[in-house]
Amino acid sequence: MKSLKHFLVAIIAITVSATSYAQMADHSKMSATKTETIKVSGKCESCKARIEKAAKVDGVTKAVWNEKTKILTLAYDPSKVRSADIQKRIADVGHDTPLFRAEAKTYNALPSCCKYR
C-alpha cells in the first residue's frame, strides 16, 4: 500500500513537471502577423494585379486590393517587412499610397485604363 502511494505521488510529480515544462516555451520568438489597410490609387483589374504583385514580398501573407474602395488589405510579419517598404514598392510600379507618390515617368508608362490622376 505504501509503495502504491509513492508510485502515485511520482506519477503526479512527473505529470506536473511535464506540464510546467511545456508552458515554458519562449513565446518572444514567435512572430505576430499585423493586418493593415492602405489607400492605393488605381482603377481597374490590371491595377489590382500590379498592386497585389508589388505588395507580395517576403513577410507578406495577404495582399488584396479592392477596386471599388481603393483599399489594400495587408497581413504581414512586421519583423520581416515594414509597411513603408511595401508602399514604396507599390509607388515604384505606378500607384500612389499615403506615404509615396509614383514618379511621373512610371505613372505615364501605365496603360491608359490605369491612369487615375
C-alpha atoms as a PDB file:
ATOM      1  CA  MET A   1       0.000   0.000   0.000  1.00  0.00           C
ATOM      2  CA  LYS A   2       2.871   2.337   0.898  1.00  0.00           C
ATOM      3  CA  SER A   3       4.624   1.655  -2.423  1.00  0.00           C
ATOM      4  CA  LEU A   4       1.350   2.366  -4.271  1.00  0.00           C
ATOM      5  CA  LYS A   5       1.190   5.836  -2.638  1.00  0.00           C
ATOM      6  CA  HIS A   6       4.803   6.516  -3.618  1.00  0.00           C
ATOM      7  CA  PHE A   7       4.051   5.382  -7.157  1.00  0.00           C
ATOM      8  CA  LEU A   8       1.014   7.694  -7.416  1.00  0.00           C
ATOM      9  CA  VAL A   9       2.962  10.636  -5.991  1.00  0.00           C
ATOM     10  CA  ALA A  10       5.737  10.007  -8.516  1.00  0.00           C
ATOM     11  CA  ILE A  11       3.239   9.894 -11.424  1.00  0.00           C
ATOM     12  CA  ILE A  12       1.611  13.142 -10.269  1.00  0.00           C
ATOM     13  CA  ALA A  13       5.004  14.828  -9.888  1.00  0.00           C
ATOM     14  CA  ILE A  14       6.061  13.751 -13.390  1.00  0.00           C
ATOM     15  CA  THR A  15       2.777  14.965 -14.885  1.00  0.00           C
ATOM     16  CA  VAL A  16       3.001  18.375 -13.169  1.00  0.00           C
ATOM     17  CA  SER A  17       6.630  18.901 -14.153  1.00  0.00           C
ATOM     18  CA  ALA A  18       5.988  17.894 -17.777  1.00  0.00           C
ATOM     19  CA  THR A  19       3.040  20.277 -17.998  1.00  0.00           C
ATOM     20  CA  SER A  20       5.045  23.099 -16.445  1.00  0.00           C
ATOM     21  CA  TYR A  21       7.941  22.498 -18.835  1.00  0.00           C
ATOM     22  CA  ALA A  22       5.613  22.597 -21.859  1.00  0.00           C
ATOM     23  CA  GLN A  23       4.317  26.003 -20.779  1.00  0.00           C
ATOM     24  CA  MET A  24       7.821  27.473 -20.513  1.00  0.00           C
ATOM     25  CA  ALA A  25       8.206  27.825 -24.301  1.00  0.00           C
ATOM     26  CA  ASP A  26       9.854  31.069 -25.385  1.00  0.00           C
ATOM     27  CA  HIS A  27       6.968  32.970 -26.962  1.00  0.00           C
ATOM     28  CA  SER A  28       9.125  36.018 -27.669  1.00  0.00           C
ATOM     29  CA  LYS A  29      10.474  34.297 -30.786  1.00  0.00           C
ATOM     30  CA  MET A  30       7.006  33.776 -32.220  1.00  0.00           C
ATOM     31  CA  SER A  31       6.152  36.370 -34.834  1.00  0.00           C
ATOM     32  CA  ALA A  32       2.845  38.176 -34.816  1.00  0.00           C
ATOM     33  CA  THR A  33       1.029  38.992 -38.009  1.00  0.00           C
ATOM     34  CA  LYS A  34      -0.101  42.571 -38.409  1.00  0.00           C
ATOM     35  CA  THR A  35      -3.135  43.481 -40.511  1.00  0.00           C
ATOM     36  CA  GLU A  36      -3.313  46.918 -42.087  1.00  0.00           C
ATOM     37  CA  THR A  37      -5.397  48.722 -44.689  1.00  0.00           C
ATOM     38  CA  ILE A  38      -3.836  51.245 -47.049  1.00  0.00           C
ATOM     39  CA  LYS A  39      -5.441  53.554 -49.605  1.00  0.00           C
ATOM     40  CA  VAL A  40      -3.840  52.870 -53.001  1.00  0.00           C
ATOM     41  CA  SER A  41      -4.732  54.753 -56.177  1.00  0.00           C
ATOM     42  CA  GLY A  42      -5.761  52.673 -59.170  1.00  0.00           C
ATOM     43  CA  LYS A  43      -8.736  51.980 -61.434  1.00  0.00           C
ATOM     44  CA  CYS A  44      -9.005  48.509 -62.929  1.00  0.00           C
ATOM     45  CA  GLU A  45      -8.207  44.788 -62.806  1.00  0.00           C
ATOM     46  CA  SER A  46      -4.758  45.450 -64.298  1.00  0.00           C
ATOM     47  CA  CYS A  47      -4.073  47.848 -61.428  1.00  0.00           C
ATOM     48  CA  LYS A  48      -5.262  45.221 -58.958  1.00  0.00           C
ATOM     49  CA  ALA A  49      -2.849  42.619 -60.338  1.00  0.00           C
ATOM     50  CA  ARG A  50       0.060  45.100 -60.395  1.00  0.00           C
ATOM     51  CA  ILE A  51      -0.591  46.419 -56.861  1.00  0.00           C
ATOM     52  CA  GLU A  52      -1.021  42.969 -55.313  1.00  0.00           C
ATOM     53  CA  LYS A  53       2.091  41.628 -57.060  1.00  0.00           C
ATOM     54  CA  ALA A  54       4.187  44.574 -55.836  1.00  0.00           C
ATOM     55  CA  ALA A  55       2.891  44.116 -52.276  1.00  0.00           C
ATOM     56  CA  LYS A  56       3.607  40.390 -52.063  1.00  0.00           C
ATOM     57  CA  VAL A  57       7.140  40.341 -50.714  1.00  0.00           C
ATOM     58  CA  ASP A  58       8.767  38.097 -48.137  1.00  0.00           C
ATOM     59  CA  GLY A  59       6.836  38.515 -44.895  1.00  0.00           C
ATOM     60  CA  VAL A  60       3.504  39.400 -46.535  1.00  0.00           C
ATOM     61  CA  THR A  61       0.894  36.666 -46.185  1.00  0.00           C
ATOM     62  CA  LYS A  62      -2.050  38.556 -47.693  1.00  0.00           C
ATOM     63  CA  ALA A  63      -2.324  41.451 -50.143  1.00  0.00           C
ATOM     64  CA  VAL A  64      -5.785  42.153 -51.565  1.00  0.00           C
ATOM     65  CA  TRP A  65      -6.701  45.430 -53.297  1.00  0.00           C
ATOM     66  CA  ASN A  66     -10.375  46.334 -53.686  1.00  0.00           C
ATOM     67  CA  GLU A  67     -11.057  48.110 -56.981  1.00  0.00           C
ATOM     68  CA  LYS A  68     -14.170  49.908 -55.686  1.00  0.00           C
ATOM     69  CA  THR A  69     -12.857  51.143 -52.332  1.00  0.00           C
ATOM     70  CA  LYS A  70      -9.214  51.567 -53.461  1.00  0.00           C
ATOM     71  CA  ILE A  71      -8.160  49.861 -50.205  1.00  0.00           C
ATOM     72  CA  LEU A  72      -5.307  47.365 -49.994  1.00  0.00           C
ATOM     73  CA  THR A  73      -5.652  44.914 -47.112  1.00  0.00           C
ATOM     74  CA  LEU A  74      -2.301  43.596 -45.965  1.00  0.00           C
ATOM     75  CA  ALA A  75      -1.347  40.896 -43.499  1.00  0.00           C
ATOM     76  CA  TYR A  76       2.372  40.806 -42.818  1.00  0.00           C
ATOM     77  CA  ASP A  77       5.075  39.986 -40.314  1.00  0.00           C
ATOM     78  CA  PRO A  78       6.492  43.325 -39.069  1.00  0.00           C
ATOM     79  CA  SER A  79       9.731  41.602 -38.069  1.00  0.00           C
ATOM     80  CA  LYS A  80      10.362  40.804 -41.764  1.00  0.00           C
ATOM     81  CA  VAL A  81       8.927  43.786 -43.642  1.00  0.00           C
ATOM     82  CA  ARG A  82       7.712  47.325 -42.938  1.00  0.00           C
ATOM     83  CA  SER A  83       4.559  48.945 -44.256  1.00  0.00           C
ATOM     84  CA  ALA A  84       6.629  51.796 -45.687  1.00  0.00           C
ATOM     85  CA  ASP A  85       8.731  49.332 -47.707  1.00  0.00           C
ATOM     86  CA  ILE A  86       5.596  47.773 -49.177  1.00  0.00           C
ATOM     87  CA  GLN A  87       4.137  51.197 -50.008  1.00  0.00           C
ATOM     88  CA  LYS A  88       7.401  52.209 -51.697  1.00  0.00           C
ATOM     89  CA  ARG A  89       7.281  49.109 -53.906  1.00  0.00           C
ATOM     90  CA  ILE A  90       3.692  49.919 -54.881  1.00  0.00           C
ATOM     91  CA  ALA A  91       4.636  53.503 -55.775  1.00  0.00           C
ATOM     92  CA  ASP A  92       7.583  52.156 -57.779  1.00  0.00           C
ATOM     93  CA  VAL A  93       5.125  50.336 -60.086  1.00  0.00           C
ATOM     94  CA  GLY A  94       2.988  53.457 -60.617  1.00  0.00           C
ATOM     95  CA  HIS A  95       0.403  53.671 -57.823  1.00  0.00           C
ATOM     96  CA  ASP A  96       0.182  56.399 -55.180  1.00  0.00           C
ATOM     97  CA  THR A  97      -0.021  55.464 -51.487  1.00  0.00           C
ATOM     98  CA  PRO A  98      -0.317  57.669 -48.397  1.00  0.00           C
ATOM     99  CA  LEU A  99       3.482  57.646 -47.949  1.00  0.00           C
ATOM    100  CA  PHE A 100       4.738  57.676 -51.542  1.00  0.00           C
ATOM    101  CA  ARG A 101       3.662  59.196 -54.843  1.00  0.00           C
ATOM    102  CA  ALA A 102       4.506  57.328 -58.039  1.00  0.00           C
ATOM    103  CA  GLU A 103       7.110  59.052 -60.181  1.00  0.00           C
ATOM    104  CA  ALA A 104       5.662  60.796 -63.246  1.00  0.00           C
ATOM    105  CA  LYS A 105       7.705  58.650 -65.653  1.00  0.00           C
ATOM    106  CA  THR A 106       6.404  55.430 -64.094  1.00  0.00           C
ATOM    107  CA  TYR A 107       2.827  56.702 -63.870  1.00  0.00           C
ATOM    108  CA  ASN A 108       2.859  57.897 -67.505  1.00  0.00           C
ATOM    109  CA  ALA A 109       4.027  54.448 -68.617  1.00  0.00           C
ATOM    110  CA  LEU A 110       0.885  52.810 -67.175  1.00  0.00           C
ATOM    111  CA  PRO A 111      -1.793  51.649 -69.650  1.00  0.00           C
ATOM    112  CA  SER A 112      -4.468  54.295 -70.286  1.00  0.00           C
ATOM    113  CA  CYS A 113      -7.091  52.277 -68.380  1.00  0.00           C
ATOM    114  CA  CYS A 114      -4.909  52.562 -65.255  1.00  0.00           C
ATOM    115  CA  LYS A 115      -4.488  56.349 -65.239  1.00  0.00           C
ATOM    116  CA  TYR A 116      -6.135  57.790 -62.125  1.00  0.00           C
ATOM    117  CA  ARG A 117      -4.644  61.311 -61.968  1.00  0.00           C
END
